[in-house]
Amino acid sequence: MELVELRREGPLAILTIDSPPLNLFEANLIGELKQAIEEVQANPPRALLIRAEGRVVSGGVNVEEFRGLTPAQGSALWSDLLGMIDRIEALPFPVIFAAHGLTLTAAFEMSLACDLIIAGASAKFGLVEIVVGLTPSMGGPQRLAERAGSGRAKQLVMTGDLFNAETLERWNVVNEVVADEDLGELAVKLATRLANGPTRAHAMTKRILRAYVEGGVPAADRVTRRDAADLFATEDLINAVDTFLDKGPGHATFEGR
């Protein structure tokens, strides 16, 4: 892969977009992103950090990708891209997105498929598809509504404005805002902390919350009743309970088993 780097640092995988100058989403970059996601599906880390090199995370989509598309071709494109979003959301470990500079259109939509978004203080986000007569179709509006409500989602999409990290933190879209100069270090620190945590428990948390999004509290309760007790058979829980009782809290080490 030339535009996307996937490297491992112990239990953590770091996916870096590097397609200067603007990290525009186009066919080659999208293909490499899909390849990287397939790789972490096939050989799972215990957490994934998605980040970008350069002045911005992404200036959006290369508009050339839309020239001359028929509705049938557009439908196939959206189906393919939503498939990538679905795969990111379904990863059975924490996924963290680090945002700096601009995070526009497809990159913003991809960040919304991640579990946590950490942003530099000067970061700005936008779904600006209205400039070419489109609405975001990689799942952005509905995932914004999940985090911030439908009113805020309509505001972002219909105005096409840029919104700063502080505003989106206040609206529950961004999880944490940090100083720009600290973003890289703190994103890795957070992702590493989660990678060293109880991986199977994190996966169960994601399943319960996905059930909640899809079917409300009753659906989440059904998943909890049916599946959450499986954690009692994991080495992570057994060892953590033993160390808690022997040494007190905070001494467990987890292996993701």
C-alpha atoms as a PDB file:
ATOM      1  CA  MET A   1       0.000   0.000   0.000  1.00  0.00           C
ATOM      2  CA  GLU A   2       1.315   3.432  -0.955  1.00  0.00           C
ATOM      3  CA  LEU A   3      -1.374   5.806   0.334  1.00  0.00           C
ATOM      4  CA  VAL A   4      -2.236   4.003   3.572  1.00  0.00           C
ATOM      5  CA  GLU A   5       0.185   2.596   6.111  1.00  0.00           C
ATOM      6  CA  LEU A   6      -0.849  -0.085   8.587  1.00  0.00           C
ATOM      7  CA  ARG A   7       1.658  -0.858  11.303  1.00  0.00           C
ATOM      8  CA  ARG A   8       1.559  -2.701  14.602  1.00  0.00           C
ATOM      9  CA  GLU A   9       2.852  -1.487  17.934  1.00  0.00           C
ATOM     10  CA  GLY A  10       2.313  -4.461  20.213  1.00  0.00           C
ATOM     11  CA  PRO A  11      -1.449  -4.960  20.625  1.00  0.00           C
ATOM     12  CA  LEU A  12      -2.220  -1.674  18.838  1.00  0.00           C
ATOM     13  CA  ALA A  13      -2.620  -1.219  15.090  1.00  0.00           C
ATOM     14  CA  ILE A  14      -2.166   2.258  13.604  1.00  0.00           C
ATOM     15  CA  LEU A  15      -3.696   3.061  10.211  1.00  0.00           C
ATOM     16  CA  THR A  16      -2.253   6.231   8.681  1.00  0.00           C
ATOM     17  CA  ILE A  17      -3.605   8.003   5.601  1.00  0.00           C
ATOM     18  CA  ASP A  18      -0.784   9.658   3.670  1.00  0.00           C
ATOM     19  CA  SER A  19      -1.797  10.969   0.241  1.00  0.00           C
ATOM     20  CA  PRO A  20      -0.482  14.531   0.027  1.00  0.00           C
ATOM     21  CA  PRO A  21      -1.309  17.295  -0.238  1.00  0.00           C
ATOM     22  CA  LEU A  22      -4.939  16.903   0.890  1.00  0.00           C
ATOM     23  CA  ASN A  23      -5.466  13.171   1.488  1.00  0.00           C
ATOM     24  CA  LEU A  24      -8.404  13.275  -0.919  1.00  0.00           C
ATOM     25  CA  PHE A  25     -10.607  10.218  -1.015  1.00  0.00           C
ATOM     26  CA  GLU A  26     -10.419   8.703  -4.485  1.00  0.00           C
ATOM     27  CA  ALA A  27     -10.469   5.197  -5.899  1.00  0.00           C
ATOM     28  CA  ASN A  28      -6.890   4.236  -5.037  1.00  0.00           C
ATOM     29  CA  LEU A  29      -7.032   5.584  -1.479  1.00  0.00           C
ATOM     30  CA  ILE A  30     -10.417   3.996  -0.851  1.00  0.00           C
ATOM     31  CA  GLY A  31      -9.122   0.699  -2.176  1.00  0.00           C
ATOM     32  CA  GLU A  32      -6.161   0.788   0.206  1.00  0.00           C
ATOM     33  CA  LEU A  33      -8.391   1.724   3.146  1.00  0.00           C
ATOM     34  CA  LYS A  34     -10.607  -1.267   2.396  1.00  0.00           C
ATOM     35  CA  GLN A  35      -7.526  -3.474   2.153  1.00  0.00           C
ATOM     36  CA  ALA A  36      -6.256  -2.245   5.533  1.00  0.00           C
ATOM     37  CA  ILE A  37      -9.632  -2.822   7.194  1.00  0.00           C
ATOM     38  CA  GLU A  38      -9.769  -6.324   5.746  1.00  0.00           C
ATOM     39  CA  GLU A  39      -6.297  -6.966   7.148  1.00  0.00           C
ATOM     40  CA  VAL A  40      -7.257  -5.997  10.693  1.00  0.00           C
ATOM     41  CA  GLN A  41     -10.418  -8.083  10.347  1.00  0.00           C
ATOM     42  CA  ALA A  42      -8.363 -11.106   9.347  1.00  0.00           C
ATOM     43  CA  ASN A  43      -5.614 -10.544  11.929  1.00  0.00           C
ATOM     44  CA  PRO A  44      -7.241  -8.504  14.706  1.00  0.00           C
ATOM     45  CA  PRO A  45      -5.227  -6.179  16.936  1.00  0.00           C
ATOM     46  CA  ARG A  46      -6.680  -5.228  20.304  1.00  0.00           C
ATOM     47  CA  ALA A  47      -7.314  -1.624  19.269  1.00  0.00           C
ATOM     48  CA  LEU A  48      -7.020   0.439  16.096  1.00  0.00           C
ATOM     49  CA  LEU A  49      -6.005   4.093  15.771  1.00  0.00           C
ATOM     50  CA  ILE A  50      -6.911   5.853  12.513  1.00  0.00           C
ATOM     51  CA  ARG A  51      -4.961   9.023  11.784  1.00  0.00           C
ATOM     52  CA  ALA A  52      -3.462  11.019   8.897  1.00  0.00           C
ATOM     53  CA  GLU A  53      -0.221  12.686   7.911  1.00  0.00           C
ATOM     54  CA  GLY A  54      -0.051  16.210   6.565  1.00  0.00           C
ATOM     55  CA  ARG A  55      -1.724  19.531   7.316  1.00  0.00           C
ATOM     56  CA  VAL A  56      -5.217  18.000   7.198  1.00  0.00           C
ATOM     57  CA  VAL A  57      -6.842  14.652   7.760  1.00  0.00           C
ATOM     58  CA  SER A  58      -8.631  15.081   4.442  1.00  0.00           C
ATOM     59  CA  GLY A  59      -9.957  17.791   2.175  1.00  0.00           C
ATOM     60  CA  GLY A  60     -12.787  15.435   1.246  1.00  0.00           C
ATOM     61  CA  VAL A  61     -13.508  13.447  -1.888  1.00  0.00           C
ATOM     62  CA  ASN A  62     -11.872  14.023  -5.252  1.00  0.00           C
ATOM     63  CA  VAL A  63     -14.906  15.365  -7.144  1.00  0.00           C
ATOM     64  CA  GLU A  64     -13.631  13.722 -10.341  1.00  0.00           C
ATOM     65  CA  GLU A  65     -14.957  10.482  -8.841  1.00  0.00           C
ATOM     66  CA  PHE A  66     -18.517  11.787  -9.368  1.00  0.00           C
ATOM     67  CA  ARG A  67     -18.210  13.037 -12.939  1.00  0.00           C
ATOM     68  CA  GLY A  68     -20.595  11.277 -15.273  1.00  0.00           C
ATOM     69  CA  LEU A  69     -21.936   8.749 -12.790  1.00  0.00           C
ATOM     70  CA  THR A  70     -25.382   7.346 -13.502  1.00  0.00           C
ATOM     71  CA  PRO A  71     -27.810   6.750 -10.628  1.00  0.00           C
ATOM     72  CA  ALA A  72     -27.087   3.018 -10.878  1.00  0.00           C
ATOM     73  CA  GLN A  73     -23.335   3.622 -10.665  1.00  0.00           C
ATOM     74  CA  GLY A  74     -23.838   6.032  -7.772  1.00  0.00           C
ATOM     75  CA  SER A  75     -25.909   3.443  -5.935  1.00  0.00           C
ATOM     76  CA  ALA A  76     -23.162   0.854  -6.385  1.00  0.00           C
ATOM     77  CA  LEU A  77     -20.565   3.346  -5.105  1.00  0.00           C
ATOM     78  CA  TRP A  78     -22.567   4.204  -1.991  1.00  0.00           C
ATOM     79  CA  SER A  79     -23.220   0.530  -1.302  1.00  0.00           C
ATOM     80  CA  ASP A  80     -19.511  -0.215  -1.548  1.00  0.00           C
ATOM     81  CA  LEU A  81     -18.511   2.691   0.712  1.00  0.00           C
ATOM     82  CA  LEU A  82     -21.190   1.907   3.283  1.00  0.00           C
ATOM     83  CA  GLY A  83     -19.847  -1.633   3.315  1.00  0.00           C
ATOM     84  CA  MET A  84     -16.490  -0.251   4.471  1.00  0.00           C
ATOM     85  CA  ILE A  85     -18.227   1.802   7.156  1.00  0.00           C
ATOM     86  CA  ASP A  86     -20.110  -1.282   8.324  1.00  0.00           C
ATOM     87  CA  ARG A  87     -16.859  -3.232   8.600  1.00  0.00           C
ATOM     88  CA  ILE A  88     -15.225  -0.494  10.691  1.00  0.00           C
ATOM     89  CA  GLU A  89     -18.203  -0.386  13.067  1.00  0.00           C
ATOM     90  CA  ALA A  90     -18.235  -4.168  13.409  1.00  0.00           C
ATOM     91  CA  LEU A  91     -14.570  -4.502  14.394  1.00  0.00           C
ATOM     92  CA  PRO A  92     -14.544  -6.357  17.751  1.00  0.00           C
ATOM     93  CA  PHE A  93     -12.124  -3.971  19.451  1.00  0.00           C
ATOM     94  CA  PRO A  94     -11.923  -0.223  20.163  1.00  0.00           C
ATOM     95  CA  VAL A  95     -11.379   2.049  17.154  1.00  0.00           C
ATOM     96  CA  ILE A  96     -10.106   5.579  17.796  1.00  0.00           C
ATOM     97  CA  PHE A  97      -9.976   8.388  15.236  1.00  0.00           C
ATOM     98  CA  ALA A  98      -7.512  11.276  15.598  1.00  0.00           C
ATOM     99  CA  ALA A  99      -8.544  14.485  13.812  1.00  0.00           C
ATOM    100  CA  HIS A 100      -6.431  17.534  12.999  1.00  0.00           C
ATOM    101  CA  GLY A 101      -6.684  20.381  10.521  1.00  0.00           C
ATOM    102  CA  LEU A 102      -9.685  19.674   8.276  1.00  0.00           C
ATOM    103  CA  THR A 103     -11.713  16.472   8.414  1.00  0.00           C
ATOM    104  CA  LEU A 104     -14.199  16.772   5.565  1.00  0.00           C
ATOM    105  CA  THR A 105     -16.880  14.658   3.891  1.00  0.00           C
ATOM    106  CA  ALA A 106     -15.801  10.999   3.540  1.00  0.00           C
ATOM    107  CA  ALA A 107     -13.127  11.283   6.240  1.00  0.00           C
ATOM    108  CA  PHE A 108     -15.628  12.811   8.658  1.00  0.00           C
ATOM    109  CA  GLU A 109     -18.113  10.066   7.847  1.00  0.00           C
ATOM    110  CA  MET A 110     -15.433   7.445   8.462  1.00  0.00           C
ATOM    111  CA  SER A 111     -14.612   9.022  11.832  1.00  0.00           C
ATOM    112  CA  LEU A 112     -18.265   8.677  12.834  1.00  0.00           C
ATOM    113  CA  ALA A 113     -17.988   4.911  12.364  1.00  0.00           C
ATOM    114  CA  CYS A 114     -15.224   4.829  14.984  1.00  0.00           C
ATOM    115  CA  ASP A 115     -15.854   4.377  18.690  1.00  0.00           C
ATOM    116  CA  LEU A 116     -14.041   7.489  19.886  1.00  0.00           C
ATOM    117  CA  ILE A 117     -12.959  10.714  18.173  1.00  0.00           C
ATOM    118  CA  ILE A 118     -10.108  12.728  19.675  1.00  0.00           C
ATOM    119  CA  ALA A 119      -9.391  16.072  18.025  1.00  0.00           C
ATOM    120  CA  GLY A 120      -6.821  18.822  18.089  1.00  0.00           C
ATOM    121  CA  ALA A 121      -8.137  22.164  19.303  1.00  0.00           C
ATOM    122  CA  SER A 122      -7.877  23.789  15.867  1.00  0.00           C
ATOM    123  CA  ALA A 123      -9.501  20.886  13.993  1.00  0.00           C
ATOM    124  CA  LYS A 124     -12.555  21.625  11.861  1.00  0.00           C
ATOM    125  CA  PHE A 125     -15.150  19.224  10.523  1.00  0.00           C
ATOM    126  CA  GLY A 126     -17.638  19.489   7.713  1.00  0.00           C
ATOM    127  CA  LEU A 127     -20.046  17.628   5.488  1.00  0.00           C
ATOM    128  CA  VAL A 128     -19.937  19.942   2.504  1.00  0.00           C
ATOM    129  CA  GLU A 129     -21.466  17.722  -0.180  1.00  0.00           C
ATOM    130  CA  ILE A 130     -24.094  20.383  -0.956  1.00  0.00           C
ATOM    131  CA  VAL A 131     -21.492  22.245  -3.031  1.00  0.00           C
ATOM    132  CA  VAL A 132     -21.833  19.514  -5.687  1.00  0.00           C
ATOM    133  CA  GLY A 133     -25.529  18.844  -5.136  1.00  0.00           C
ATOM    134  CA  LEU A 134     -25.131  15.719  -3.027  1.00  0.00           C
ATOM    135  CA  THR A 135     -26.064  14.647   0.450  1.00  0.00           C
ATOM    136  CA  PRO A 136     -23.486  12.656   2.445  1.00  0.00           C
ATOM    137  CA  SER A 137     -24.000   8.994   1.606  1.00  0.00           C
ATOM    138  CA  MET A 138     -21.340   7.164   3.620  1.00  0.00           C
ATOM    139  CA  GLY A 139     -23.556   7.114   6.692  1.00  0.00           C
ATOM    140  CA  GLY A 140     -22.654  10.546   8.019  1.00  0.00           C
ATOM    141  CA  PRO A 141     -26.110  12.099   8.590  1.00  0.00           C
ATOM    142  CA  GLN A 142     -27.525   9.136  10.465  1.00  0.00           C
ATOM    143  CA  ARG A 143     -24.409   8.649  12.589  1.00  0.00           C
ATOM    144  CA  LEU A 144     -24.364  12.344  13.412  1.00  0.00           C
ATOM    145  CA  ALA A 145     -27.993  12.016  14.474  1.00  0.00           C
ATOM    146  CA  GLU A 146     -27.032   9.060  16.659  1.00  0.00           C
ATOM    147  CA  ARG A 147     -24.474  11.199  18.478  1.00  0.00           C
ATOM    148  CA  ALA A 148     -25.979  14.682  18.388  1.00  0.00           C
ATOM    149  CA  GLY A 149     -29.635  14.382  17.371  1.00  0.00           C
ATOM    150  CA  SER A 150     -31.363  14.891  14.044  1.00  0.00           C
ATOM    151  CA  GLY A 151     -31.531  18.669  14.398  1.00  0.00           C
ATOM    152  CA  ARG A 152     -27.767  19.014  14.641  1.00  0.00           C
ATOM    153  CA  ALA A 153     -27.298  16.512  11.818  1.00  0.00           C
ATOM    154  CA  LYS A 154     -29.552  18.596   9.560  1.00  0.00           C
ATOM    155  CA  GLN A 155     -27.639  21.730  10.540  1.00  0.00           C
ATOM    156  CA  LEU A 156     -24.267  20.259   9.586  1.00  0.00           C
ATOM    157  CA  VAL A 157     -25.479  18.726   6.328  1.00  0.00           C
ATOM    158  CA  MET A 158     -27.855  21.412   5.069  1.00  0.00           C
ATOM    159  CA  THR A 159     -25.605  24.404   5.798  1.00  0.00           C
ATOM    160  CA  GLY A 160     -22.398  22.733   4.645  1.00  0.00           C
ATOM    161  CA  ASP A 161     -20.598  24.856   7.223  1.00  0.00           C
ATOM    162  CA  LEU A 162     -17.383  23.975   9.015  1.00  0.00           C
ATOM    163  CA  PHE A 163     -17.614  23.307  12.743  1.00  0.00           C
ATOM    164  CA  ASN A 164     -14.746  23.451  15.201  1.00  0.00           C
ATOM    165  CA  ALA A 165     -13.741  20.667  17.566  1.00  0.00           C
ATOM    166  CA  GLU A 166     -14.969  22.482  20.677  1.00  0.00           C
ATOM    167  CA  THR A 167     -18.458  22.854  19.221  1.00  0.00           C
ATOM    168  CA  LEU A 168     -18.637  19.216  18.189  1.00  0.00           C
ATOM    169  CA  GLU A 169     -17.413  18.122  21.609  1.00  0.00           C
ATOM    170  CA  ARG A 170     -20.252  20.123  23.138  1.00  0.00           C
ATOM    171  CA  TRP A 171     -22.663  18.380  20.765  1.00  0.00           C
ATOM    172  CA  ASN A 172     -21.301  14.925  21.729  1.00  0.00           C
ATOM    173  CA  VAL A 173     -19.836  14.239  18.283  1.00  0.00           C
ATOM    174  CA  VAL A 174     -16.193  14.556  19.351  1.00  0.00           C
ATOM    175  CA  ASN A 175     -15.220  12.764  22.561  1.00  0.00           C
ATOM    176  CA  GLU A 176     -12.190  14.820  23.567  1.00  0.00           C
ATOM    177  CA  VAL A 177     -10.390  17.977  22.427  1.00  0.00           C
ATOM    178  CA  VAL A 178      -6.689  18.363  23.191  1.00  0.00           C
ATOM    179  CA  ALA A 179      -3.958  20.840  22.342  1.00  0.00           C
ATOM    180  CA  ASP A 180      -2.831  20.491  18.738  1.00  0.00           C
ATOM    181  CA  GLU A 181       0.751  19.797  19.711  1.00  0.00           C
ATOM    182  CA  ASP A 182      -0.349  16.987  22.040  1.00  0.00           C
ATOM    183  CA  LEU A 183      -2.782  15.232  19.703  1.00  0.00           C
ATOM    184  CA  GLY A 184      -0.398  12.649  18.280  1.00  0.00           C
ATOM    185  CA  GLU A 185       0.987  11.578  21.624  1.00  0.00           C
ATOM    186  CA  LEU A 186      -2.347  11.549  23.443  1.00  0.00           C
ATOM    187  CA  ALA A 187      -4.135   9.659  20.672  1.00  0.00           C
ATOM    188  CA  VAL A 188      -1.525   6.896  20.792  1.00  0.00           C
ATOM    189  CA  LYS A 189      -1.651   6.900  24.601  1.00  0.00           C
ATOM    190  CA  LEU A 190      -5.435   6.507  24.629  1.00  0.00           C
ATOM    191  CA  ALA A 191      -5.421   3.830  21.939  1.00  0.00           C
ATOM    192  CA  THR A 192      -2.636   1.918  23.700  1.00  0.00           C
ATOM    193  CA  ARG A 193      -4.516   2.070  26.992  1.00  0.00           C
ATOM    194  CA  LEU A 194      -7.584   0.546  25.338  1.00  0.00           C
ATOM    195  CA  ALA A 195      -5.476  -2.021  23.490  1.00  0.00           C
ATOM    196  CA  ASN A 196      -4.055  -3.190  26.821  1.00  0.00           C
ATOM    197  CA  GLY A 197      -7.505  -3.436  28.389  1.00  0.00           C
ATOM    198  CA  PRO A 198     -10.061  -6.259  28.498  1.00  0.00           C
ATOM    199  CA  THR A 199     -10.525  -6.741  24.762  1.00  0.00           C
ATOM    200  CA  ARG A 200     -13.367  -9.227  25.021  1.00  0.00           C
ATOM    201  CA  ALA A 201     -15.263  -6.936  27.390  1.00  0.00           C
ATOM    202  CA  HIS A 202     -14.793  -4.011  24.989  1.00  0.00           C
ATOM    203  CA  ALA A 203     -16.189  -6.158  22.170  1.00  0.00           C
ATOM    204  CA  MET A 204     -19.226  -7.035  24.272  1.00  0.00           C
ATOM    205  CA  THR A 205     -19.763  -3.360  25.111  1.00  0.00           C
ATOM    206  CA  LYS A 206     -19.816  -2.582  21.390  1.00  0.00           C
ATOM    207  CA  ARG A 207     -22.340  -5.361  20.727  1.00  0.00           C
ATOM    208  CA  ILE A 208     -24.658  -4.153  23.481  1.00  0.00           C
ATOM    209  CA  LEU A 209     -24.514  -0.545  22.324  1.00  0.00           C
ATOM    210  CA  ARG A 210     -25.032  -1.541  18.684  1.00  0.00           C
ATOM    211  CA  ALA A 211     -28.134  -3.437  19.761  1.00  0.00           C
ATOM    212  CA  TYR A 212     -29.284  -0.317  21.609  1.00  0.00           C
ATOM    213  CA  VAL A 213     -28.844   1.850  18.510  1.00  0.00           C
ATOM    214  CA  GLU A 214     -30.743  -0.628  16.366  1.00  0.00           C
ATOM    215  CA  GLY A 215     -33.499  -1.597  18.784  1.00  0.00           C
ATOM    216  CA  GLY A 216     -33.383   0.532  21.915  1.00  0.00           C
ATOM    217  CA  VAL A 217     -33.046  -0.616  25.521  1.00  0.00           C
ATOM    218  CA  PRO A 218     -35.075  -3.825  25.023  1.00  0.00           C
ATOM    219  CA  ALA A 219     -32.731  -5.019  22.266  1.00  0.00           C
ATOM    220  CA  ALA A 220     -29.656  -4.151  24.334  1.00  0.00           C
ATOM    221  CA  ASP A 221     -31.125  -6.014  27.294  1.00  0.00           C
ATOM    222  CA  ARG A 222     -31.701  -9.088  25.123  1.00  0.00           C
ATOM    223  CA  VAL A 223     -28.063  -9.121  24.001  1.00  0.00           C
ATOM    224  CA  THR A 224     -26.920  -8.647  27.603  1.00  0.00           C
ATOM    225  CA  ARG A 225     -29.066 -11.495  28.884  1.00  0.00           C
ATOM    226  CA  ARG A 226     -28.047 -13.794  26.052  1.00  0.00           C
ATOM    227  CA  ASP A 227     -24.340 -13.087  25.602  1.00  0.00           C
ATOM    228  CA  ALA A 228     -22.708 -10.926  28.276  1.00  0.00           C
ATOM    229  CA  ALA A 229     -22.251 -13.803  30.716  1.00  0.00           C
ATOM    230  CA  ASP A 230     -19.874 -15.434  28.202  1.00  0.00           C
ATOM    231  CA  LEU A 231     -17.235 -13.072  29.623  1.00  0.00           C
ATOM    232  CA  PHE A 232     -17.051 -15.265  32.742  1.00  0.00           C
ATOM    233  CA  ALA A 233     -15.310 -17.909  30.615  1.00  0.00           C
ATOM    234  CA  THR A 234     -12.576 -15.553  29.377  1.00  0.00           C
ATOM    235  CA  GLU A 235      -9.041 -15.601  30.708  1.00  0.00           C
ATOM    236  CA  ASP A 236      -9.191 -11.808  30.969  1.00  0.00           C
ATOM    237  CA  LEU A 237     -12.019 -11.889  33.499  1.00  0.00           C
ATOM    238  CA  ILE A 238     -10.771 -14.916  35.447  1.00  0.00           C
ATOM    239  CA  ASN A 239      -7.304 -13.429  35.899  1.00  0.00           C
ATOM    240  CA  ALA A 240      -8.647  -9.951  36.642  1.00  0.00           C
ATOM    241  CA  VAL A 241     -10.941 -11.289  39.377  1.00  0.00           C
ATOM    242  CA  ASP A 242      -8.079 -13.282  40.913  1.00  0.00           C
ATOM    243  CA  THR A 243      -5.681 -10.306  40.951  1.00  0.00           C
ATOM    244  CA  PHE A 244      -8.417  -8.019  42.297  1.00  0.00           C
ATOM    245  CA  LEU A 245      -9.025 -10.367  45.210  1.00  0.00           C
ATOM    246  CA  ASP A 246      -5.316 -11.016  45.831  1.00  0.00           C
ATOM    247  CA  LYS A 247      -3.844  -7.547  45.288  1.00  0.00           C
ATOM    248  CA  GLY A 248      -6.695  -5.076  44.946  1.00  0.00           C
ATOM    249  CA  PRO A 249      -7.944  -3.207  41.860  1.00  0.00           C
ATOM    250  CA  GLY A 250      -5.690  -2.095  39.032  1.00  0.00           C
ATOM    251  CA  HIS A 251      -3.212  -5.000  38.998  1.00  0.00           C
ATOM    252  CA  ALA A 252      -4.743  -7.122  36.237  1.00  0.00           C
ATOM    253  CA  THR A 253      -3.026  -7.564  32.914  1.00  0.00           C
ATOM    254  CA  PHE A 254      -5.118  -8.599  29.943  1.00  0.00           C
ATOM    255  CA  GLU A 255      -4.288 -10.792  26.969  1.00  0.00           C
ATOM    256  CA  GLY A 256      -7.466 -10.412  24.961  1.00  0.00           C
ATOM    257  CA  ARG A 257      -8.558 -13.991  25.606  1.00  0.00           C
END
